[in-house]
Amino acid sequence: MKKVAIQGVKGCFHEQAARLFYEQSEGVVPDICECSTFDSLYSSVEAGDADAAVMAIENTVSGGLLPNFELLRKYDRKIKGEVFLRIQQNLMALPGQTIEDIKEVRTHYMAINQTREFFKNYPWIRLVESEDTAKSAAEVAAEGLMGVGAVASTLAAELYGLEILAESIETYKQNFTRFLVLDDSIQVDKSKVNKSSMCFTLSHTPGSLAHVLTILSFYGMNLTRIQSLPIPGQEWQYFFYVDIKFQDYLRYEQALAAVRPLMEDLNILGEYVASI
């Protein structure tokens, strides 16, 4: 069975994303390797404790996870796929309780931010920040905490035997997180590749970025994301992280050949099949 490293504990959204990808692509439910940080996620793969990794990179509500862009460049693990997961937050507790019985709810700070509007209707409930949504659910179950709830995924409720008191309590229903699949065993068919992620720097001259983007547009490349991060120790110099989609791989190669002379430190982070 394939072992996949995730940041978080079993039942978290990372596991949901991993299951979604591997069930659809390989028809298997992956074994999960829990990691406390995104850095240790990579370390687990490097050490052979996991065969692959699934890592969040951006969210439609909160934006990009900037440190994870840096990890993509730091480690030599190519992106082999992506998955978009709708983030559905659910209030759960030990069975036999109602929402009126709940006095405290534990969850990750991002989940608190995403559900504040819901909890305004229950002013007696105290929201307590924790390090992980699924871990909060696990603690409620393991410690038998009556009167204490958690906000987490439906998978967490299922794994830890909790009862969902209120479903989909997030304020913004169009809340999706994009996850990247880092799996060297996946051989992506070039005839199906239609998305590429890359990182590069540019000379510090006027219009250098605009010039690159104009050329990419000329070749029919659809820019779906661009993120800049400063280069430590180099004033006003930036790494640019770019995602592009295309319909013709040969045309993509021609576009790369055209812009490569304008770029410095070009790193193709992955070529893969777009999820949407």
Protein backbone atom coordinates (compact mmCIF):
# COMPACT_ATOMS: atom_id res chain seq x y z
CA MET A 1 0.00 0.00 0.00
CA LYS A 2 1.27 3.47 -0.86
CA LYS A 3 2.22 5.57 2.15
CA VAL A 4 1.55 9.28 1.74
CA ALA A 5 2.94 11.99 4.01
CA ILE A 6 0.58 14.79 5.05
CA GLN A 7 0.84 17.75 7.39
CA GLY A 8 -1.56 17.06 10.22
CA VAL A 9 -3.18 14.02 11.79
CA LYS A 10 -5.50 11.41 10.33
CA GLY A 11 -8.89 12.84 9.46
CA CYS A 12 -7.57 16.25 8.44
CA PHE A 13 -8.26 17.89 5.08
CA HIS A 14 -4.83 16.82 3.83
CA GLU A 15 -5.89 13.19 4.24
CA GLN A 16 -9.16 13.90 2.46
CA ALA A 17 -7.20 15.38 -0.45
CA ALA A 18 -4.80 12.42 -0.52
CA ARG A 19 -7.68 9.96 -0.54
CA LEU A 20 -9.47 11.87 -3.28
CA PHE A 21 -6.43 11.89 -5.55
CA TYR A 22 -5.28 8.31 -5.10
CA GLU A 23 -8.77 6.79 -5.13
CA GLN A 24 -9.45 8.51 -8.44
CA SER A 25 -6.05 7.94 -10.06
CA GLU A 26 -5.01 4.54 -8.69
CA GLY A 27 -8.12 3.13 -7.06
CA VAL A 28 -6.47 2.78 -3.65
CA VAL A 29 -6.88 4.33 -0.22
CA PRO A 30 -3.38 5.49 0.80
CA ASP A 31 -1.77 4.74 4.13
CA ILE A 32 -1.15 8.04 5.92
CA CYS A 33 2.14 9.24 7.41
CA GLU A 34 1.38 12.05 9.86
CA CYS A 35 3.81 14.99 9.92
CA SER A 36 3.78 17.92 12.31
CA THR A 37 5.17 20.45 9.81
CA PHE A 38 5.40 20.88 6.06
CA ASP A 39 9.17 20.64 6.28
CA SER A 40 8.95 17.27 8.03
CA LEU A 41 6.58 16.15 5.28
CA TYR A 42 9.50 16.39 2.85
CA SER A 43 11.88 14.83 5.38
CA SER A 44 9.60 11.79 5.69
CA VAL A 45 9.80 11.19 1.96
CA GLU A 46 13.56 11.76 1.89
CA ALA A 47 14.03 9.26 4.74
CA GLY A 48 11.86 6.64 3.05
CA ASP A 49 9.17 6.76 5.75
CA ALA A 50 6.67 7.75 3.05
CA ASP A 51 6.44 7.07 -0.68
CA ALA A 52 4.87 10.39 -1.60
CA ALA A 53 3.45 13.58 -0.13
CA VAL A 54 0.38 15.75 -0.55
CA MET A 55 0.81 19.41 0.38
CA ALA A 56 -1.58 22.37 0.45
CA ILE A 57 -0.41 25.34 -1.61
CA GLU A 58 -3.30 27.82 -1.79
CA ASN A 59 -6.83 28.52 -0.64
CA THR A 60 -9.57 30.52 -2.33
CA VAL A 61 -10.34 32.44 0.89
CA SER A 62 -6.97 32.90 2.61
CA GLY A 63 -4.67 32.87 -0.44
CA GLY A 64 -1.31 31.16 -0.92
CA LEU A 65 0.68 29.33 1.73
CA LEU A 66 3.83 31.30 1.07
CA PRO A 67 6.35 29.14 2.99
CA ASN A 68 5.26 26.14 0.91
CA PHE A 69 6.29 27.86 -2.33
CA GLU A 70 9.79 28.11 -0.88
CA LEU A 71 9.73 24.40 0.00
CA LEU A 72 8.90 23.55 -3.61
CA ARG A 73 12.06 25.30 -4.71
CA LYS A 74 14.22 24.00 -1.85
CA TYR A 75 13.49 20.30 -2.32
CA ASP A 76 13.88 18.36 -5.55
CA ARG A 77 10.44 16.75 -5.58
CA LYS A 78 8.47 17.37 -8.74
CA ILE A 79 4.76 18.08 -8.77
CA LYS A 80 2.98 15.13 -10.41
CA GLY A 81 -0.60 16.17 -9.86
CA GLU A 82 -3.02 18.43 -8.04
CA VAL A 83 -6.38 18.15 -6.34
CA PHE A 84 -8.93 20.79 -5.35
CA LEU A 85 -10.89 20.05 -2.19
CA ARG A 86 -13.90 21.95 -0.94
CA ILE A 87 -13.24 22.81 2.71
CA GLN A 88 -16.40 21.94 4.60
CA GLN A 89 -16.23 22.73 8.31
CA ASN A 90 -18.49 20.74 10.64
CA LEU A 91 -19.31 21.07 14.34
CA MET A 92 -18.98 17.69 16.07
CA ALA A 93 -19.03 16.25 19.57
CA LEU A 94 -19.43 12.99 21.47
CA PRO A 95 -22.74 11.28 20.62
CA GLY A 96 -25.93 12.06 22.56
CA GLN A 97 -25.42 15.82 22.89
CA THR A 98 -27.10 18.82 21.32
CA ILE A 99 -25.53 22.10 20.37
CA GLU A 100 -27.05 23.63 23.52
CA ASP A 101 -24.88 21.27 25.59
CA ILE A 102 -21.65 22.52 24.03
CA LYS A 103 -19.78 25.15 26.05
CA GLU A 104 -16.40 25.03 24.31
CA VAL A 105 -15.25 24.31 20.75
CA ARG A 106 -11.65 23.55 19.81
CA THR A 107 -10.20 23.88 16.33
CA HIS A 108 -7.45 25.43 14.21
CA TYR A 109 -7.37 29.23 14.03
CA MET A 110 -8.20 29.20 10.31
CA ALA A 111 -11.31 27.14 10.99
CA ILE A 112 -12.30 29.63 13.70
CA ASN A 113 -11.95 32.47 11.21
CA GLN A 114 -14.02 30.57 8.67
CA THR A 115 -16.89 29.87 11.09
CA ARG A 116 -17.19 32.98 13.29
CA GLU A 117 -20.50 34.01 11.70
CA PHE A 118 -22.07 30.68 12.62
CA PHE A 119 -20.96 30.87 16.24
CA LYS A 120 -22.40 34.38 16.66
CA ASN A 121 -25.72 32.59 17.04
CA TYR A 122 -24.33 30.61 20.01
CA PRO A 123 -22.71 33.23 22.27
CA TRP A 124 -22.28 30.79 25.16
CA ILE A 125 -19.79 28.72 23.18
CA ARG A 126 -16.15 29.61 23.77
CA LEU A 127 -13.86 29.13 20.76
CA VAL A 128 -10.43 27.75 21.66
CA GLU A 129 -7.57 27.75 19.15
CA SER A 130 -5.72 24.48 18.60
CA GLU A 131 -2.95 23.30 16.28
CA ASP A 132 -5.08 21.09 14.03
CA THR A 133 -8.77 20.51 13.23
CA ALA A 134 -8.61 16.72 13.19
CA LYS A 135 -6.39 16.59 16.27
CA SER A 136 -9.04 18.55 18.16
CA ALA A 137 -11.62 15.96 17.15
CA ALA A 138 -9.29 13.14 18.21
CA GLU A 139 -8.74 14.72 21.63
CA VAL A 140 -12.46 15.17 22.27
CA ALA A 141 -12.98 11.49 21.49
CA ALA A 142 -9.92 10.12 23.33
CA GLU A 143 -10.54 12.14 26.49
CA GLY A 144 -14.32 11.67 26.49
CA LEU A 145 -14.92 15.40 26.72
CA MET A 146 -18.63 16.04 27.21
CA GLY A 147 -19.67 19.65 26.57
CA VAL A 148 -16.67 20.17 24.30
CA GLY A 149 -16.93 20.16 20.53
CA ALA A 150 -14.56 20.35 17.61
CA VAL A 151 -14.73 21.83 14.12
CA ALA A 152 -13.25 19.47 11.56
CA SER A 153 -13.93 17.37 8.47
CA THR A 154 -16.59 14.70 8.03
CA LEU A 155 -13.71 12.21 7.78
CA ALA A 156 -12.54 13.20 11.27
CA ALA A 157 -16.02 12.63 12.66
CA GLU A 158 -16.10 9.20 11.03
CA LEU A 159 -12.63 8.15 12.19
CA TYR A 160 -13.06 9.28 15.79
CA GLY A 161 -16.69 8.30 16.33
CA LEU A 162 -18.07 11.81 16.80
CA GLU A 163 -21.55 13.02 15.94
CA ILE A 164 -21.95 15.98 13.61
CA LEU A 165 -24.20 18.59 15.23
CA ALA A 166 -24.08 21.10 12.37
CA GLU A 167 -22.79 20.56 8.84
CA SER A 168 -21.00 23.02 6.57
CA ILE A 169 -20.86 25.91 9.04
CA GLU A 170 -18.18 27.85 7.13
CA THR A 171 -19.19 31.39 6.12
CA TYR A 172 -18.00 31.15 2.53
CA LYS A 173 -19.24 28.01 0.80
CA GLN A 174 -16.92 28.49 -2.18
CA ASN A 175 -13.94 27.64 -0.01
CA PHE A 176 -11.47 25.39 -1.84
CA THR A 177 -7.89 24.41 -1.08
CA ARG A 178 -5.52 23.33 -3.82
CA PHE A 179 -3.16 20.50 -2.89
CA LEU A 180 -0.08 19.38 -4.79
CA VAL A 181 0.89 15.72 -5.23
CA LEU A 182 4.62 15.02 -4.88
CA ASP A 183 5.07 11.43 -6.00
CA ASP A 184 8.14 10.34 -7.97
CA SER A 185 6.51 7.01 -8.87
CA ILE A 186 3.90 8.72 -11.06
CA GLN A 187 4.87 8.81 -14.72
CA VAL A 188 2.86 11.60 -16.33
CA ASP A 189 2.01 11.02 -19.98
CA LYS A 190 3.31 14.05 -21.89
CA SER A 191 0.40 13.78 -24.31
CA LYS A 192 -1.92 14.50 -21.37
CA VAL A 193 0.17 17.15 -19.61
CA ASN A 194 -1.61 20.51 -19.71
CA LYS A 195 -0.24 22.39 -16.72
CA SER A 196 3.19 23.46 -15.54
CA SER A 197 4.53 25.10 -12.39
CA MET A 198 7.85 26.91 -12.50
CA CYS A 199 10.08 29.24 -10.54
CA PHE A 200 12.53 31.80 -11.90
CA THR A 201 14.22 35.13 -11.31
CA LEU A 202 14.56 38.07 -13.70
CA SER A 203 17.11 40.77 -14.31
CA HIS A 204 16.34 43.93 -12.38
CA THR A 205 15.38 45.93 -15.47
CA PRO A 206 12.16 47.78 -16.37
CA GLY A 207 9.55 45.64 -18.06
CA SER A 208 11.36 42.30 -17.65
CA LEU A 209 8.34 40.52 -16.18
CA ALA A 210 5.94 42.09 -18.66
CA HIS A 211 8.17 40.91 -21.49
CA VAL A 212 8.08 37.30 -20.27
CA LEU A 213 4.31 37.35 -19.77
CA THR A 214 3.76 38.82 -23.23
CA ILE A 215 5.74 36.01 -24.85
CA LEU A 216 3.85 33.35 -22.87
CA SER A 217 0.57 34.91 -23.95
CA PHE A 218 1.70 34.94 -27.57
CA TYR A 219 2.24 31.17 -27.43
CA GLY A 220 -1.22 30.60 -25.94
CA MET A 221 -0.10 29.93 -22.38
CA ASN A 222 -2.84 30.67 -19.82
CA LEU A 223 -1.33 32.15 -16.65
CA THR A 224 -3.39 30.80 -13.73
CA ARG A 225 -1.21 32.02 -10.87
CA ILE A 226 1.80 34.20 -10.22
CA GLN A 227 3.43 34.66 -6.82
CA SER A 228 6.55 36.64 -5.98
CA LEU A 229 8.76 36.12 -2.93
CA PRO A 230 11.86 38.14 -2.03
CA ILE A 231 15.28 36.53 -2.39
CA PRO A 232 17.01 36.63 1.02
CA GLY A 233 20.14 38.76 0.94
CA GLN A 234 19.37 40.35 -2.42
CA GLU A 235 17.65 43.71 -2.21
CA TRP A 236 14.54 44.08 -4.37
CA GLN A 237 15.15 40.78 -6.14
CA TYR A 238 12.38 38.20 -6.31
CA PHE A 239 11.61 34.62 -7.15
CA PHE A 240 8.52 34.34 -9.34
CA TYR A 241 6.34 31.26 -9.01
CA VAL A 242 4.10 30.78 -12.02
CA ASP A 243 1.43 28.26 -12.99
CA ILE A 244 0.41 28.04 -16.63
CA LYS A 245 -2.13 25.91 -18.47
CA PHE A 246 -1.97 24.98 -22.14
CA GLN A 247 -3.54 22.67 -24.70
CA ASP A 248 -0.48 21.70 -26.75
CA TYR A 249 2.70 20.38 -25.11
CA LEU A 250 4.83 21.21 -28.15
CA ARG A 251 3.57 24.79 -28.07
CA TYR A 252 4.47 24.88 -24.36
CA GLU A 253 8.02 23.73 -25.15
CA GLN A 254 8.30 26.45 -27.79
CA ALA A 255 7.13 29.05 -25.28
CA LEU A 256 9.74 27.87 -22.77
CA ALA A 257 12.48 28.08 -25.40
CA ALA A 258 11.42 31.64 -26.20
CA VAL A 259 11.41 32.91 -22.60
CA ARG A 260 14.32 30.89 -21.20
CA PRO A 261 16.98 33.44 -22.36
CA LEU A 262 15.12 36.14 -20.37
CA MET A 263 14.99 34.12 -17.15
CA GLU A 264 17.55 33.28 -14.52
CA ASP A 265 17.57 30.18 -12.31
CA LEU A 266 14.59 28.65 -14.12
CA ASN A 267 13.28 25.62 -12.22
CA ILE A 268 10.43 23.55 -13.63
CA LEU A 269 8.67 22.47 -10.44
CA GLY A 270 6.37 20.06 -12.23
CA GLU A 271 4.47 19.21 -15.42
CA TYR A 272 1.19 17.44 -14.79
CA VAL A 273 -2.51 17.07 -15.61
CA ALA A 274 -4.64 19.93 -14.31
CA SER A 275 -7.39 18.98 -11.89
CA ILE A 276 -9.82 21.59 -13.20
